[in-house]
Amino acid sequence: MPKLFTQTEVQLDPQGRLVIPAPLRRSLGFESGDHLIARMEEGRLILEKAETVKQRLKNRFAHLPPTVSLTEELIAERRQEAKREANE
């Protein structure tokens, strides 16, 4: 089994670009053309494959029955809130 590459120092170039070293890319399964999602979390930069994020979200909401629409529930909540604000 290949050794996992877990830490290295990298430097931003003058245009702010970052090169992820090949051993780290291989360990993470990042390949040329992959779409990555970048987010800041507690002062850290987190990079994940878009597919990984999508799968995590699908898993998070997998327990919901197919008849439940979170979008419709959110819209209904927003409409109720707008009516309440209009009546104030």
PDB file of N, CA and C in Angstrom:
ATOM      1  N   MET A   1       0.849  -1.185   0.000  1.00  0.00           N
ATOM      2  CA  MET A   1       0.000   0.000   0.000  1.00  0.00           C
ATOM      3  C   MET A   1       0.889   1.242   0.000  1.00  0.00           C
ATOM      4  N   PRO A   2       0.589   2.241  -0.875  1.00  0.00           N
ATOM      5  CA  PRO A   2       1.431   3.438  -0.924  1.00  0.00           C
ATOM      6  C   PRO A   2       1.296   4.260   0.349  1.00  0.00           C
ATOM      7  N   LYS A   3       2.395   4.891   0.718  1.00  0.00           N
ATOM      8  CA  LYS A   3       2.394   5.748   1.903  1.00  0.00           C
ATOM      9  C   LYS A   3       1.532   6.975   1.632  1.00  0.00           C
ATOM     10  N   LEU A   4       0.674   7.317   2.589  1.00  0.00           N
ATOM     11  CA  LEU A   4      -0.166   8.494   2.435  1.00  0.00           C
ATOM     12  C   LEU A   4       0.667   9.749   2.645  1.00  0.00           C
ATOM     13  N   PHE A   5       0.531  10.671   1.735  1.00  0.00           N
ATOM     14  CA  PHE A   5       1.241  11.934   1.773  1.00  0.00           C
ATOM     15  C   PHE A   5       0.329  12.909   2.491  1.00  0.00           C
ATOM     16  N   THR A   6       0.656  13.293   3.716  1.00  0.00           N
ATOM     17  CA  THR A   6      -0.291  14.055   4.515  1.00  0.00           C
ATOM     18  C   THR A   6       0.055  15.521   4.733  1.00  0.00           C
ATOM     19  N   GLN A   7       1.317  15.909   4.571  1.00  0.00           N
ATOM     20  CA  GLN A   7       1.660  17.299   4.865  1.00  0.00           C
ATOM     21  C   GLN A   7       2.866  17.720   4.057  1.00  0.00           C
ATOM     22  N   THR A   8       2.824  18.936   3.561  1.00  0.00           N
ATOM     23  CA  THR A   8       3.949  19.541   2.862  1.00  0.00           C
ATOM     24  C   THR A   8       3.749  21.048   2.855  1.00  0.00           C
ATOM     25  N   GLU A   9       4.804  21.763   2.619  1.00  0.00           N
ATOM     26  CA  GLU A   9       4.709  23.217   2.515  1.00  0.00           C
ATOM     27  C   GLU A   9       4.566  23.583   1.052  1.00  0.00           C
ATOM     28  N   VAL A  10       3.638  24.500   0.767  1.00  0.00           N
ATOM     29  CA  VAL A  10       3.439  24.996  -0.592  1.00  0.00           C
ATOM     30  C   VAL A  10       3.479  26.512  -0.550  1.00  0.00           C
ATOM     31  N   GLN A  11       3.648  27.118  -1.712  1.00  0.00           N
ATOM     32  CA  GLN A  11       3.742  28.577  -1.779  1.00  0.00           C
ATOM     33  C   GLN A  11       2.839  29.086  -2.886  1.00  0.00           C
ATOM     34  N   LEU A  12       2.136  30.181  -2.605  1.00  0.00           N
ATOM     35  CA  LEU A  12       1.320  30.822  -3.628  1.00  0.00           C
ATOM     36  C   LEU A  12       2.232  31.558  -4.596  1.00  0.00           C
ATOM     37  N   ASP A  13       1.897  31.491  -5.887  1.00  0.00           N
ATOM     38  CA  ASP A  13       2.684  32.248  -6.845  1.00  0.00           C
ATOM     39  C   ASP A  13       2.188  33.695  -6.864  1.00  0.00           C
ATOM     40  N   PRO A  14       2.840  34.580  -7.615  1.00  0.00           N
ATOM     41  CA  PRO A  14       2.443  35.996  -7.603  1.00  0.00           C
ATOM     42  C   PRO A  14       0.984  36.250  -8.006  1.00  0.00           C
ATOM     43  N   GLN A  15       0.387  35.338  -8.774  1.00  0.00           N
ATOM     44  CA  GLN A  15      -1.012  35.490  -9.169  1.00  0.00           C
ATOM     45  C   GLN A  15      -1.970  34.841  -8.167  1.00  0.00           C
ATOM     46  N   GLY A  16      -1.431  34.316  -7.052  1.00  0.00           N
ATOM     47  CA  GLY A  16      -2.268  33.707  -6.031  1.00  0.00           C
ATOM     48  C   GLY A  16      -2.609  32.256  -6.293  1.00  0.00           C
ATOM     49  N   ARG A  17      -1.962  31.641  -7.274  1.00  0.00           N
ATOM     50  CA  ARG A  17      -2.234  30.241  -7.596  1.00  0.00           C
ATOM     51  C   ARG A  17      -1.456  29.327  -6.667  1.00  0.00           C
ATOM     52  N   LEU A  18      -2.031  28.174  -6.452  1.00  0.00           N
ATOM     53  CA  LEU A  18      -1.441  27.181  -5.570  1.00  0.00           C
ATOM     54  C   LEU A  18      -1.278  25.881  -6.349  1.00  0.00           C
ATOM     55  N   VAL A  19      -0.110  25.300  -6.282  1.00  0.00           N
ATOM     56  CA  VAL A  19       0.125  23.999  -6.911  1.00  0.00           C
ATOM     57  C   VAL A  19       0.063  22.945  -5.819  1.00  0.00           C
ATOM     58  N   ILE A  20      -0.811  21.949  -6.011  1.00  0.00           N
ATOM     59  CA  ILE A  20      -0.894  20.833  -5.074  1.00  0.00           C
ATOM     60  C   ILE A  20       0.120  19.793  -5.546  1.00  0.00           C
ATOM     61  N   PRO A  21       1.121  19.461  -4.726  1.00  0.00           N
ATOM     62  CA  PRO A  21       2.149  18.515  -5.152  1.00  0.00           C
ATOM     63  C   PRO A  21       1.547  17.175  -5.583  1.00  0.00           C
ATOM     64  N   ALA A  22       2.172  16.567  -6.601  1.00  0.00           N
ATOM     65  CA  ALA A  22       1.660  15.321  -7.183  1.00  0.00           C
ATOM     66  C   ALA A  22       1.435  14.218  -6.152  1.00  0.00           C
ATOM     67  N   PRO A  23       2.356  13.977  -5.208  1.00  0.00           N
ATOM     68  CA  PRO A  23       2.087  12.903  -4.235  1.00  0.00           C
ATOM     69  C   PRO A  23       0.830  13.166  -3.401  1.00  0.00           C
ATOM     70  N   LEU A  24       0.593  14.422  -3.062  1.00  0.00           N
ATOM     71  CA  LEU A  24      -0.605  14.770  -2.297  1.00  0.00           C
ATOM     72  C   LEU A  24      -1.853  14.600  -3.153  1.00  0.00           C
ATOM     73  N   ARG A  25      -1.779  15.030  -4.419  1.00  0.00           N
ATOM     74  CA  ARG A  25      -2.920  14.836  -5.342  1.00  0.00           C
ATOM     75  C   ARG A  25      -3.246  13.357  -5.484  1.00  0.00           C
ATOM     76  N   ARG A  26      -2.222  12.544  -5.627  1.00  0.00           N
ATOM     77  CA  ARG A  26      -2.457  11.100  -5.760  1.00  0.00           C
ATOM     78  C   ARG A  26      -3.101  10.534  -4.502  1.00  0.00           C
ATOM     79  N   SER A  27      -2.604  10.935  -3.330  1.00  0.00           N
ATOM     80  CA  SER A  27      -3.170  10.445  -2.072  1.00  0.00           C
ATOM     81  C   SER A  27      -4.635  10.824  -1.927  1.00  0.00           C
ATOM     82  N   LEU A  28      -4.989  12.013  -2.422  1.00  0.00           N
ATOM     83  CA  LEU A  28      -6.367  12.499  -2.326  1.00  0.00           C
ATOM     84  C   LEU A  28      -7.260  12.001  -3.460  1.00  0.00           C
ATOM     85  N   GLY A  29      -6.641  11.413  -4.466  1.00  0.00           N
ATOM     86  CA  GLY A  29      -7.411  10.948  -5.619  1.00  0.00           C
ATOM     87  C   GLY A  29      -7.805  12.079  -6.552  1.00  0.00           C
ATOM     88  N   PHE A  30      -7.119  13.216  -6.468  1.00  0.00           N
ATOM     89  CA  PHE A  30      -7.388  14.342  -7.360  1.00  0.00           C
ATOM     90  C   PHE A  30      -6.727  14.063  -8.699  1.00  0.00           C
ATOM     91  N   GLU A  31      -7.480  14.283  -9.773  1.00  0.00           N
ATOM     92  CA  GLU A  31      -6.948  14.081 -11.113  1.00  0.00           C
ATOM     93  C   GLU A  31      -7.183  15.329 -11.946  1.00  0.00           C
ATOM     94  N   SER A  32      -6.416  15.462 -12.999  1.00  0.00           N
ATOM     95  CA  SER A  32      -6.552  16.594 -13.902  1.00  0.00           C
ATOM     96  C   SER A  32      -7.994  16.685 -14.389  1.00  0.00           C
ATOM     97  N   GLY A  33      -8.565  17.866 -14.336  1.00  0.00           N
ATOM     98  CA  GLY A  33      -9.938  18.077 -14.782  1.00  0.00           C
ATOM     99  C   GLY A  33     -10.983  17.941 -13.686  1.00  0.00           C
ATOM    100  N   ASP A  34     -10.580  17.435 -12.501  1.00  0.00           N
ATOM    101  CA  ASP A  34     -11.533  17.334 -11.394  1.00  0.00           C
ATOM    102  C   ASP A  34     -12.020  18.724 -11.008  1.00  0.00           C
ATOM    103  N   HIS A  35     -13.284  18.808 -10.627  1.00  0.00           N
ATOM    104  CA  HIS A  35     -13.835  20.055 -10.094  1.00  0.00           C
ATOM    105  C   HIS A  35     -13.745  19.971  -8.580  1.00  0.00           C
ATOM    106  N   LEU A  36     -13.106  20.972  -7.987  1.00  0.00           N
ATOM    107  CA  LEU A  36     -12.939  21.015  -6.541  1.00  0.00           C
ATOM    108  C   LEU A  36     -13.780  22.138  -5.952  1.00  0.00           C
ATOM    109  N   ILE A  37     -14.276  21.893  -4.757  1.00  0.00           N
ATOM    110  CA  ILE A  37     -14.994  22.909  -4.006  1.00  0.00           C
ATOM    111  C   ILE A  37     -14.037  23.399  -2.923  1.00  0.00           C
ATOM    112  N   ALA A  38     -13.843  24.715  -2.871  1.00  0.00           N
ATOM    113  CA  ALA A  38     -12.966  25.321  -1.863  1.00  0.00           C
ATOM    114  C   ALA A  38     -13.841  26.068  -0.868  1.00  0.00           C
ATOM    115  N   ARG A  39     -13.572  25.845   0.409  1.00  0.00           N
ATOM    116  CA  ARG A  39     -14.294  26.585   1.441  1.00  0.00           C
ATOM    117  C   ARG A  39     -13.346  26.864   2.602  1.00  0.00           C
ATOM    118  N   MET A  40     -13.706  27.896   3.361  1.00  0.00           N
ATOM    119  CA  MET A  40     -12.927  28.223   4.538  1.00  0.00           C
ATOM    120  C   MET A  40     -13.683  27.697   5.751  1.00  0.00           C
ATOM    121  N   GLU A  41     -12.956  27.027   6.618  1.00  0.00           N
ATOM    122  CA  GLU A  41     -13.558  26.466   7.830  1.00  0.00           C
ATOM    123  C   GLU A  41     -12.583  26.684   8.980  1.00  0.00           C
ATOM    124  N   GLU A  42     -12.998  27.494   9.938  1.00  0.00           N
ATOM    125  CA  GLU A  42     -12.179  27.788  11.112  1.00  0.00           C
ATOM    126  C   GLU A  42     -10.763  28.227  10.724  1.00  0.00           C
ATOM    127  N   GLY A  43     -10.690  29.129   9.737  1.00  0.00           N
ATOM    128  CA  GLY A  43      -9.405  29.670   9.314  1.00  0.00           C
ATOM    129  C   GLY A  43      -8.569  28.730   8.460  1.00  0.00           C
ATOM    130  N   ARG A  44      -9.153  27.613   8.030  1.00  0.00           N
ATOM    131  CA  ARG A  44      -8.430  26.656   7.184  1.00  0.00           C
ATOM    132  C   ARG A  44      -9.072  26.615   5.809  1.00  0.00           C
ATOM    133  N   LEU A  45      -8.259  26.336   4.803  1.00  0.00           N
ATOM    134  CA  LEU A  45      -8.754  26.130   3.445  1.00  0.00           C
ATOM    135  C   LEU A  45      -9.034  24.647   3.272  1.00  0.00           C
ATOM    136  N   ILE A  46     -10.266  24.317   2.882  1.00  0.00           N
ATOM    137  CA  ILE A  46     -10.664  22.937   2.660  1.00  0.00           C
ATOM    138  C   ILE A  46     -10.941  22.775   1.170  1.00  0.00           C
ATOM    139  N   LEU A  47     -10.308  21.798   0.546  1.00  0.00           N
ATOM    140  CA  LEU A  47     -10.557  21.473  -0.861  1.00  0.00           C
ATOM    141  C   LEU A  47     -11.129  20.070  -0.931  1.00  0.00           C
ATOM    142  N   GLU A  48     -12.247  19.918  -1.634  1.00  0.00           N
ATOM    143  CA  GLU A  48     -12.862  18.608  -1.810  1.00  0.00           C
ATOM    144  C   GLU A  48     -13.347  18.476  -3.240  1.00  0.00           C
ATOM    145  N   LYS A  49     -13.365  17.248  -3.728  1.00  0.00           N
ATOM    146  CA  LYS A  49     -13.960  17.010  -5.029  1.00  0.00           C
ATOM    147  C   LYS A  49     -15.437  17.353  -4.944  1.00  0.00           C
ATOM    148  N   ALA A  50     -15.971  17.948  -6.008  1.00  0.00           N
ATOM    149  CA  ALA A  50     -17.383  18.299  -6.042  1.00  0.00           C
ATOM    150  C   ALA A  50     -18.238  17.047  -5.845  1.00  0.00           C
ATOM    151  N   GLU A  51     -17.830  15.945  -6.424  1.00  0.00           N
ATOM    152  CA  GLU A  51     -18.592  14.701  -6.281  1.00  0.00           C
ATOM    153  C   GLU A  51     -18.638  14.231  -4.822  1.00  0.00           C
ATOM    154  N   THR A  52     -17.565  14.443  -4.087  1.00  0.00           N
ATOM    155  CA  THR A  52     -17.527  14.068  -2.669  1.00  0.00           C
ATOM    156  C   THR A  52     -18.540  14.891  -1.877  1.00  0.00           C
ATOM    157  N   VAL A  53     -18.605  16.192  -2.172  1.00  0.00           N
ATOM    158  CA  VAL A  53     -19.552  17.072  -1.493  1.00  0.00           C
ATOM    159  C   VAL A  53     -20.983  16.650  -1.828  1.00  0.00           C
ATOM    160  N   LYS A  54     -21.245  16.383  -3.111  1.00  0.00           N
ATOM    161  CA  LYS A  54     -22.588  15.959  -3.527  1.00  0.00           C
ATOM    162  C   LYS A  54     -23.000  14.675  -2.815  1.00  0.00           C
ATOM    163  N   GLN A  55     -22.084  13.711  -2.735  1.00  0.00           N
ATOM    164  CA  GLN A  55     -22.401  12.444  -2.092  1.00  0.00           C
ATOM    165  C   GLN A  55     -22.673  12.634  -0.602  1.00  0.00           C
ATOM    166  N   ARG A  56     -21.899  13.493   0.052  1.00  0.00           N
ATOM    167  CA  ARG A  56     -22.113  13.758   1.470  1.00  0.00           C
ATOM    168  C   ARG A  56     -23.502  14.366   1.704  1.00  0.00           C
ATOM    169  N   LEU A  57     -23.909  15.292   0.820  1.00  0.00           N
ATOM    170  CA  LEU A  57     -25.230  15.904   0.948  1.00  0.00           C
ATOM    171  C   LEU A  57     -26.342  14.895   0.686  1.00  0.00           C
ATOM    172  N   LYS A  58     -26.153  14.040  -0.306  1.00  0.00           N
ATOM    173  CA  LYS A  58     -27.148  12.998  -0.573  1.00  0.00           C
ATOM    174  C   LYS A  58     -27.293  12.086   0.634  1.00  0.00           C
ATOM    175  N   ASN A  59     -26.185  11.712   1.236  1.00  0.00           N
ATOM    176  CA  ASN A  59     -26.220  10.844   2.415  1.00  0.00           C
ATOM    177  C   ASN A  59     -26.913  11.540   3.588  1.00  0.00           C
ATOM    178  N   ARG A  60     -26.659  12.841   3.736  1.00  0.00           N
ATOM    179  CA  ARG A  60     -27.239  13.593   4.849  1.00  0.00           C
ATOM    180  C   ARG A  60     -28.766  13.603   4.787  1.00  0.00           C
ATOM    181  N   PHE A  61     -29.319  13.656   3.576  1.00  0.00           N
ATOM    182  CA  PHE A  61     -30.761  13.761   3.421  1.00  0.00           C
ATOM    183  C   PHE A  61     -31.409  12.469   2.916  1.00  0.00           C
ATOM    184  N   ALA A  62     -30.667  11.378   2.916  1.00  0.00           N
ATOM    185  CA  ALA A  62     -31.182  10.108   2.404  1.00  0.00           C
ATOM    186  C   ALA A  62     -32.352   9.579   3.229  1.00  0.00           C
ATOM    187  N   HIS A  63     -32.436   9.960   4.493  1.00  0.00           N
ATOM    188  CA  HIS A  63     -33.502   9.463   5.363  1.00  0.00           C
ATOM    189  C   HIS A  63     -34.871  10.080   5.045  1.00  0.00           C
ATOM    190  N   LEU A  64     -34.878  11.169   4.282  1.00  0.00           N
ATOM    191  CA  LEU A  64     -36.146  11.825   3.959  1.00  0.00           C
ATOM    192  C   LEU A  64     -36.917  11.016   2.919  1.00  0.00           C
ATOM    193  N   PRO A  65     -38.212  10.850   3.126  1.00  0.00           N
ATOM    194  CA  PRO A  65     -38.994  10.143   2.119  1.00  0.00           C
ATOM    195  C   PRO A  65     -39.066  10.956   0.831  1.00  0.00           C
ATOM    196  N   PRO A  66     -39.217  10.295  -0.307  1.00  0.00           N
ATOM    197  CA  PRO A  66     -39.233  11.018  -1.587  1.00  0.00           C
ATOM    198  C   PRO A  66     -40.392  12.004  -1.714  1.00  0.00           C
ATOM    199  N   THR A  67     -41.408  11.857  -0.885  1.00  0.00           N
ATOM    200  CA  THR A  67     -42.554  12.772  -0.962  1.00  0.00           C
ATOM    201  C   THR A  67     -42.284  14.103  -0.274  1.00  0.00           C
ATOM    202  N   VAL A  68     -41.203  14.201   0.480  1.00  0.00           N
ATOM    203  CA  VAL A  68     -40.860  15.435   1.194  1.00  0.00           C
ATOM    204  C   VAL A  68     -40.028  16.328   0.280  1.00  0.00           C
ATOM    205  N   SER A  69     -40.456  17.586   0.160  1.00  0.00           N
ATOM    206  CA  SER A  69     -39.701  18.561  -0.618  1.00  0.00           C
ATOM    207  C   SER A  69     -39.210  19.659   0.315  1.00  0.00           C
ATOM    208  N   LEU A  70     -37.912  19.640   0.579  1.00  0.00           N
ATOM    209  CA  LEU A  70     -37.345  20.681   1.444  1.00  0.00           C
ATOM    210  C   LEU A  70     -37.491  22.055   0.814  1.00  0.00           C
ATOM    211  N   THR A  71     -37.446  22.115  -0.506  1.00  0.00           N
ATOM    212  CA  THR A  71     -37.610  23.387  -1.205  1.00  0.00           C
ATOM    213  C   THR A  71     -38.992  23.962  -0.941  1.00  0.00           C
ATOM    214  N   GLU A  72     -40.022  23.119  -1.093  1.00  0.00           N
ATOM    215  CA  GLU A  72     -41.385  23.595  -0.860  1.00  0.00           C
ATOM    216  C   GLU A  72     -41.586  24.009   0.598  1.00  0.00           C
ATOM    217  N   GLU A  73     -41.005  23.267   1.525  1.00  0.00           N
ATOM    218  CA  GLU A  73     -41.112  23.629   2.938  1.00  0.00           C
ATOM    219  C   GLU A  73     -40.455  24.976   3.207  1.00  0.00           C
ATOM    220  N   LEU A  74     -39.286  25.201   2.622  1.00  0.00           N
ATOM    221  CA  LEU A  74     -38.584  26.467   2.814  1.00  0.00           C
ATOM    222  C   LEU A  74     -39.386  27.626   2.230  1.00  0.00           C
ATOM    223  N   ILE A  75     -39.937  27.435   1.036  1.00  0.00           N
ATOM    224  CA  ILE A  75     -40.738  28.492   0.412  1.00  0.00           C
ATOM    225  C   ILE A  75     -41.956  28.805   1.281  1.00  0.00           C
ATOM    226  N   ALA A  76     -42.622  27.779   1.795  1.00  0.00           N
ATOM    227  CA  ALA A  76     -43.790  27.997   2.657  1.00  0.00           C
ATOM    228  C   ALA A  76     -43.400  28.758   3.919  1.00  0.00           C
ATOM    229  N   GLU A  77     -42.269  28.403   4.523  1.00  0.00           N
ATOM    230  CA  GLU A  77     -41.795  29.115   5.719  1.00  0.00           C
ATOM    231  C   GLU A  77     -41.512  30.576   5.402  1.00  0.00           C
ATOM    232  N   ARG A  78     -40.869  30.831   4.260  1.00  0.00           N
ATOM    233  CA  ARG A  78     -40.540  32.210   3.879  1.00  0.00           C
ATOM    234  C   ARG A  78     -41.811  33.028   3.633  1.00  0.00           C
ATOM    235  N   ARG A  79     -42.804  32.407   3.012  1.00  0.00           N
ATOM    236  CA  ARG A  79     -44.061  33.121   2.758  1.00  0.00           C
ATOM    237  C   ARG A  79     -44.757  33.468   4.076  1.00  0.00           C
ATOM    238  N   GLN A  80     -44.773  32.533   5.017  1.00  0.00           N
ATOM    239  CA  GLN A  80     -45.372  32.811   6.321  1.00  0.00           C
ATOM    240  C   GLN A  80     -44.641  33.956   7.016  1.00  0.00           C
ATOM    241  N   GLU A  81     -43.315  33.937   6.950  1.00  0.00           N
ATOM    242  CA  GLU A  81     -42.515  34.997   7.569  1.00  0.00           C
ATOM    243  C   GLU A  81     -42.799  36.342   6.910  1.00  0.00           C
ATOM    244  N   ALA A  82     -42.923  36.365   5.587  1.00  0.00           N
ATOM    245  CA  ALA A  82     -43.216  37.612   4.863  1.00  0.00           C
ATOM    246  C   ALA A  82     -44.586  38.142   5.265  1.00  0.00           C
ATOM    247  N   LYS A  83     -45.585  37.267   5.406  1.00  0.00           N
ATOM    248  CA  LYS A  83     -46.919  37.702   5.844  1.00  0.00           C
ATOM    249  C   LYS A  83     -46.855  38.280   7.248  1.00  0.00           C
ATOM    250  N   ARG A  84     -46.111  37.619   8.126  1.00  0.00           N
ATOM    251  CA  ARG A  84     -45.994  38.091   9.512  1.00  0.00           C
ATOM    252  C   ARG A  84     -45.346  39.472   9.544  1.00  0.00           C
ATOM    253  N   GLU A  85     -44.293  39.649   8.742  1.00  0.00           N
ATOM    254  CA  GLU A  85     -43.612  40.965   8.702  1.00  0.00           C
ATOM    255  C   GLU A  85     -44.518  42.038   8.117  1.00  0.00           C
ATOM    256  N   ALA A  86     -45.320  41.673   7.122  1.00  0.00           N
ATOM    257  CA  ALA A  86     -46.218  42.648   6.498  1.00  0.00           C
ATOM    258  C   ALA A  86     -47.311  43.104   7.467  1.00  0.00           C
ATOM    259  N   ASN A  87     -47.682  42.224   8.383  1.00  0.00           N
ATOM    260  CA  ASN A  87     -48.726  42.548   9.355  1.00  0.00           C
ATOM    261  C   ASN A  87     -48.207  43.328  10.564  1.00  0.00           C
ATOM    262  N   GLU A  88     -46.927  43.493  10.682  1.00  0.00           N
ATOM    263  CA  GLU A  88     -46.350  44.231  11.823  1.00  0.00           C
ATOM    264  C   GLU A  88     -46.375  45.714  11.613  1.00  0.00           C
TER     265      GLU A  88
END
